[in-house]
Amino acid sequence: MNALLPLAVNFALACFALSMLCALIRLLRGPAAQDRILALDTLYINGMLTILMLGIGLGSALYFDIALLIALFGFVGSTAMAKFLLRGEVIEP
């Protein structure tokens, strides 16, 4: 069972890299701003999952803290961009 874990981690990393490439294409070619925001959400989620897979593969707990920070900042950034698209401003007077 222990020999299967590195193969699974490498397969997951390859899948996340392919998904990030597709999201990057959508981010660059997206016809609307909403498509680009969704692509950016997908990019940060896949980046977070990639870092988690690296943490599992290398056996280091530091990567989990980094992934938690990426999730936190990604959520706040997505919320701010959605609010900007809806109202035209992020911070209301």
N, C-alpha and C. Protein backbone atom coordinates (compact mmCIF):
# COMPACT_ATOMS: atom_id res chain seq x y z
N MET A 1 0.82 -1.19 0.00
CA MET A 1 0.00 0.00 0.00
C MET A 1 0.86 1.26 0.00
N ASN A 2 2.00 1.20 0.63
CA ASN A 2 2.87 2.35 0.72
C ASN A 2 3.45 2.72 -0.64
N ALA A 3 3.62 1.76 -1.54
CA ALA A 3 4.16 2.05 -2.87
C ALA A 3 3.13 2.72 -3.77
N LEU A 4 1.87 2.61 -3.40
CA LEU A 4 0.81 3.20 -4.22
C LEU A 4 0.65 4.70 -3.98
N LEU A 5 1.00 5.17 -2.80
CA LEU A 5 0.82 6.58 -2.46
C LEU A 5 1.60 7.53 -3.36
N PRO A 6 2.89 7.30 -3.65
CA PRO A 6 3.59 8.23 -4.56
C PRO A 6 2.99 8.26 -5.97
N LEU A 7 2.50 7.12 -6.44
CA LEU A 7 1.86 7.09 -7.76
C LEU A 7 0.56 7.91 -7.76
N ALA A 8 -0.21 7.77 -6.69
CA ALA A 8 -1.47 8.52 -6.59
C ALA A 8 -1.21 10.02 -6.48
N VAL A 9 -0.18 10.40 -5.72
CA VAL A 9 0.15 11.81 -5.56
C VAL A 9 0.62 12.39 -6.90
N ASN A 10 1.45 11.66 -7.62
CA ASN A 10 1.92 12.14 -8.93
C ASN A 10 0.78 12.24 -9.93
N PHE A 11 -0.14 11.28 -9.91
CA PHE A 11 -1.29 11.34 -10.81
C PHE A 11 -2.17 12.54 -10.48
N ALA A 12 -2.39 12.77 -9.18
CA ALA A 12 -3.21 13.92 -8.77
C ALA A 12 -2.53 15.23 -9.16
N LEU A 13 -1.22 15.32 -9.01
CA LEU A 13 -0.50 16.53 -9.41
C LEU A 13 -0.62 16.78 -10.91
N ALA A 14 -0.55 15.72 -11.70
CA ALA A 14 -0.70 15.87 -13.15
C ALA A 14 -2.12 16.33 -13.50
N CYS A 15 -3.11 15.79 -12.82
CA CYS A 15 -4.49 16.20 -13.08
C CYS A 15 -4.73 17.65 -12.69
N PHE A 16 -4.17 18.06 -11.56
CA PHE A 16 -4.32 19.45 -11.13
C PHE A 16 -3.59 20.40 -12.08
N ALA A 17 -2.44 19.98 -12.57
CA ALA A 17 -1.71 20.82 -13.53
C ALA A 17 -2.51 20.99 -14.82
N LEU A 18 -3.12 19.92 -15.30
CA LEU A 18 -3.95 20.01 -16.50
C LEU A 18 -5.16 20.90 -16.26
N SER A 19 -5.76 20.77 -15.09
CA SER A 19 -6.91 21.61 -14.75
C SER A 19 -6.51 23.08 -14.65
N MET A 20 -5.34 23.35 -14.10
CA MET A 20 -4.87 24.73 -14.00
C MET A 20 -4.59 25.31 -15.38
N LEU A 21 -4.10 24.49 -16.29
CA LEU A 21 -3.87 24.95 -17.66
C LEU A 21 -5.19 25.31 -18.34
N CYS A 22 -6.20 24.48 -18.16
CA CYS A 22 -7.52 24.79 -18.74
C CYS A 22 -8.11 26.06 -18.13
N ALA A 23 -7.96 26.23 -16.82
CA ALA A 23 -8.48 27.44 -16.18
C ALA A 23 -7.70 28.68 -16.62
N LEU A 24 -6.41 28.53 -16.85
CA LEU A 24 -5.62 29.66 -17.33
C LEU A 24 -6.05 30.08 -18.73
N ILE A 25 -6.36 29.12 -19.56
CA ILE A 25 -6.86 29.44 -20.90
C ILE A 25 -8.19 30.18 -20.81
N ARG A 26 -9.07 29.72 -19.90
CA ARG A 26 -10.36 30.40 -19.73
C ARG A 26 -10.16 31.80 -19.14
N LEU A 27 -9.16 31.95 -18.28
CA LEU A 27 -8.88 33.26 -17.71
C LEU A 27 -8.42 34.24 -18.78
N LEU A 28 -7.64 33.77 -19.72
CA LEU A 28 -7.13 34.65 -20.77
C LEU A 28 -8.15 34.90 -21.88
N ARG A 29 -8.96 33.90 -22.20
CA ARG A 29 -9.88 34.01 -23.33
C ARG A 29 -11.32 34.29 -22.92
N GLY A 30 -11.60 34.32 -21.63
CA GLY A 30 -12.98 34.44 -21.16
C GLY A 30 -13.72 35.60 -21.78
N PRO A 31 -14.90 35.36 -22.34
CA PRO A 31 -15.62 36.47 -22.99
C PRO A 31 -16.18 37.49 -22.01
N ALA A 32 -16.46 37.07 -20.79
CA ALA A 32 -17.06 38.01 -19.83
C ALA A 32 -16.22 38.02 -18.55
N ALA A 33 -16.44 39.05 -17.75
CA ALA A 33 -15.71 39.17 -16.49
C ALA A 33 -16.09 38.05 -15.52
N GLN A 34 -17.33 37.59 -15.58
CA GLN A 34 -17.75 36.51 -14.70
C GLN A 34 -16.99 35.22 -15.02
N ASP A 35 -16.75 34.95 -16.29
CA ASP A 35 -15.98 33.78 -16.67
C ASP A 35 -14.55 33.87 -16.15
N ARG A 36 -13.99 35.04 -16.18
CA ARG A 36 -12.62 35.22 -15.70
C ARG A 36 -12.55 35.07 -14.18
N ILE A 37 -13.55 35.53 -13.47
CA ILE A 37 -13.56 35.37 -12.02
C ILE A 37 -13.70 33.89 -11.65
N LEU A 38 -14.55 33.17 -12.34
CA LEU A 38 -14.68 31.74 -12.09
C LEU A 38 -13.40 31.00 -12.41
N ALA A 39 -12.71 31.40 -13.46
CA ALA A 39 -11.43 30.78 -13.80
C ALA A 39 -10.39 31.07 -12.72
N LEU A 40 -10.42 32.28 -12.18
CA LEU A 40 -9.49 32.62 -11.10
C LEU A 40 -9.81 31.83 -9.83
N ASP A 41 -11.08 31.61 -9.55
CA ASP A 41 -11.46 30.76 -8.42
C ASP A 41 -10.95 29.34 -8.63
N THR A 42 -11.11 28.84 -9.83
CA THR A 42 -10.64 27.49 -10.13
C THR A 42 -9.12 27.41 -10.00
N LEU A 43 -8.43 28.45 -10.42
CA LEU A 43 -6.97 28.46 -10.30
C LEU A 43 -6.52 28.43 -8.85
N TYR A 44 -7.13 29.22 -8.00
CA TYR A 44 -6.66 29.21 -6.62
C TYR A 44 -7.03 27.92 -5.91
N ILE A 45 -8.17 27.34 -6.23
CA ILE A 45 -8.54 26.06 -5.62
C ILE A 45 -7.59 24.96 -6.08
N ASN A 46 -7.27 24.93 -7.36
CA ASN A 46 -6.34 23.91 -7.85
C ASN A 46 -4.93 24.15 -7.34
N GLY A 47 -4.54 25.41 -7.17
CA GLY A 47 -3.25 25.69 -6.58
C GLY A 47 -3.19 25.23 -5.13
N MET A 48 -4.27 25.44 -4.41
CA MET A 48 -4.33 24.97 -3.02
C MET A 48 -4.25 23.45 -2.96
N LEU A 49 -4.96 22.77 -3.84
CA LEU A 49 -4.93 21.31 -3.85
C LEU A 49 -3.57 20.78 -4.28
N THR A 50 -2.90 21.49 -5.18
CA THR A 50 -1.55 21.09 -5.58
C THR A 50 -0.59 21.18 -4.40
N ILE A 51 -0.71 22.25 -3.63
CA ILE A 51 0.15 22.40 -2.45
C ILE A 51 -0.18 21.33 -1.41
N LEU A 52 -1.45 20.99 -1.26
CA LEU A 52 -1.81 19.91 -0.35
C LEU A 52 -1.22 18.57 -0.80
N MET A 53 -1.25 18.31 -2.09
CA MET A 53 -0.66 17.07 -2.60
C MET A 53 0.85 17.04 -2.39
N LEU A 54 1.50 18.19 -2.54
CA LEU A 54 2.93 18.25 -2.26
C LEU A 54 3.20 18.00 -0.78
N GLY A 55 2.34 18.51 0.09
CA GLY A 55 2.49 18.26 1.52
C GLY A 55 2.32 16.80 1.87
N ILE A 56 1.36 16.14 1.23
CA ILE A 56 1.17 14.71 1.46
C ILE A 56 2.35 13.92 0.92
N GLY A 57 2.80 14.27 -0.27
CA GLY A 57 3.90 13.54 -0.89
C GLY A 57 5.21 13.71 -0.15
N LEU A 58 5.48 14.90 0.34
CA LEU A 58 6.75 15.16 1.03
C LEU A 58 6.66 14.91 2.53
N GLY A 59 5.44 14.77 3.05
CA GLY A 59 5.26 14.50 4.47
C GLY A 59 5.57 15.68 5.37
N SER A 60 5.31 16.89 4.89
CA SER A 60 5.58 18.08 5.67
C SER A 60 4.27 18.79 6.01
N ALA A 61 4.15 19.21 7.26
CA ALA A 61 2.92 19.89 7.70
C ALA A 61 2.90 21.36 7.33
N LEU A 62 4.03 21.91 6.92
CA LEU A 62 4.09 23.33 6.56
C LEU A 62 3.21 23.63 5.34
N TYR A 63 3.13 22.70 4.42
CA TYR A 63 2.32 22.89 3.21
C TYR A 63 0.83 23.03 3.53
N PHE A 64 0.38 22.40 4.59
CA PHE A 64 -1.03 22.49 4.96
C PHE A 64 -1.38 23.88 5.47
N ASP A 65 -0.47 24.50 6.19
CA ASP A 65 -0.69 25.87 6.64
C ASP A 65 -0.71 26.84 5.46
N ILE A 66 0.17 26.61 4.51
CA ILE A 66 0.20 27.46 3.31
C ILE A 66 -1.09 27.31 2.51
N ALA A 67 -1.58 26.08 2.39
CA ALA A 67 -2.84 25.84 1.66
C ALA A 67 -4.01 26.51 2.37
N LEU A 68 -3.99 26.53 3.69
CA LEU A 68 -5.05 27.21 4.44
C LEU A 68 -5.04 28.71 4.17
N LEU A 69 -3.86 29.30 4.11
CA LEU A 69 -3.76 30.73 3.80
C LEU A 69 -4.23 31.03 2.38
N ILE A 70 -3.88 30.16 1.44
CA ILE A 70 -4.33 30.36 0.06
C ILE A 70 -5.86 30.29 -0.01
N ALA A 71 -6.45 29.35 0.70
CA ALA A 71 -7.92 29.24 0.71
C ALA A 71 -8.56 30.48 1.31
N LEU A 72 -7.98 30.99 2.38
CA LEU A 72 -8.53 32.18 3.03
C LEU A 72 -8.45 33.40 2.12
N PHE A 73 -7.27 33.66 1.56
CA PHE A 73 -7.11 34.82 0.69
C PHE A 73 -7.90 34.68 -0.62
N GLY A 74 -8.00 33.46 -1.12
CA GLY A 74 -8.78 33.25 -2.33
C GLY A 74 -10.25 33.53 -2.13
N PHE A 75 -10.79 33.11 -0.98
CA PHE A 75 -12.19 33.37 -0.69
C PHE A 75 -12.46 34.86 -0.54
N VAL A 76 -11.59 35.55 0.18
CA VAL A 76 -11.77 36.99 0.38
C VAL A 76 -11.65 37.72 -0.96
N GLY A 77 -10.70 37.30 -1.79
CA GLY A 77 -10.54 37.93 -3.10
C GLY A 77 -11.73 37.68 -4.01
N SER A 78 -12.26 36.49 -3.99
CA SER A 78 -13.44 36.17 -4.80
C SER A 78 -14.65 36.98 -4.35
N THR A 79 -14.81 37.11 -3.06
CA THR A 79 -15.92 37.89 -2.54
C THR A 79 -15.79 39.36 -2.93
N ALA A 80 -14.59 39.89 -2.85
CA ALA A 80 -14.37 41.29 -3.22
C ALA A 80 -14.62 41.51 -4.71
N MET A 81 -14.17 40.58 -5.54
CA MET A 81 -14.40 40.75 -6.99
C MET A 81 -15.88 40.63 -7.34
N ALA A 82 -16.59 39.71 -6.68
CA ALA A 82 -18.02 39.59 -6.95
C ALA A 82 -18.77 40.84 -6.51
N LYS A 83 -18.39 41.39 -5.37
CA LYS A 83 -19.03 42.63 -4.90
C LYS A 83 -18.72 43.79 -5.83
N PHE A 84 -17.50 43.82 -6.36
CA PHE A 84 -17.13 44.88 -7.30
C PHE A 84 -17.94 44.76 -8.59
N LEU A 85 -18.16 43.55 -9.07
CA LEU A 85 -18.96 43.38 -10.29
C LEU A 85 -20.42 43.75 -10.06
N LEU A 86 -20.94 43.46 -8.87
CA LEU A 86 -22.35 43.77 -8.61
C LEU A 86 -22.60 45.25 -8.37
N ARG A 87 -21.72 45.91 -7.59
CA ARG A 87 -22.00 47.27 -7.16
C ARG A 87 -21.04 48.31 -7.72
N GLY A 88 -19.92 47.89 -8.25
CA GLY A 88 -18.96 48.83 -8.79
C GLY A 88 -17.96 49.36 -7.79
N GLU A 89 -18.08 48.94 -6.54
CA GLU A 89 -17.13 49.34 -5.52
C GLU A 89 -17.02 48.23 -4.49
N VAL A 90 -15.87 48.12 -3.86
CA VAL A 90 -15.65 47.06 -2.88
C VAL A 90 -15.99 47.55 -1.49
N ILE A 91 -15.52 48.73 -1.15
CA ILE A 91 -15.78 49.30 0.17
C ILE A 91 -16.80 50.41 0.03
N GLU A 92 -17.92 50.23 0.69
CA GLU A 92 -19.00 51.21 0.59
C GLU A 92 -18.76 52.35 1.58
N PRO A 93 -19.08 53.58 1.17
CA PRO A 93 -18.90 54.72 2.10
C PRO A 93 -19.96 54.74 3.18
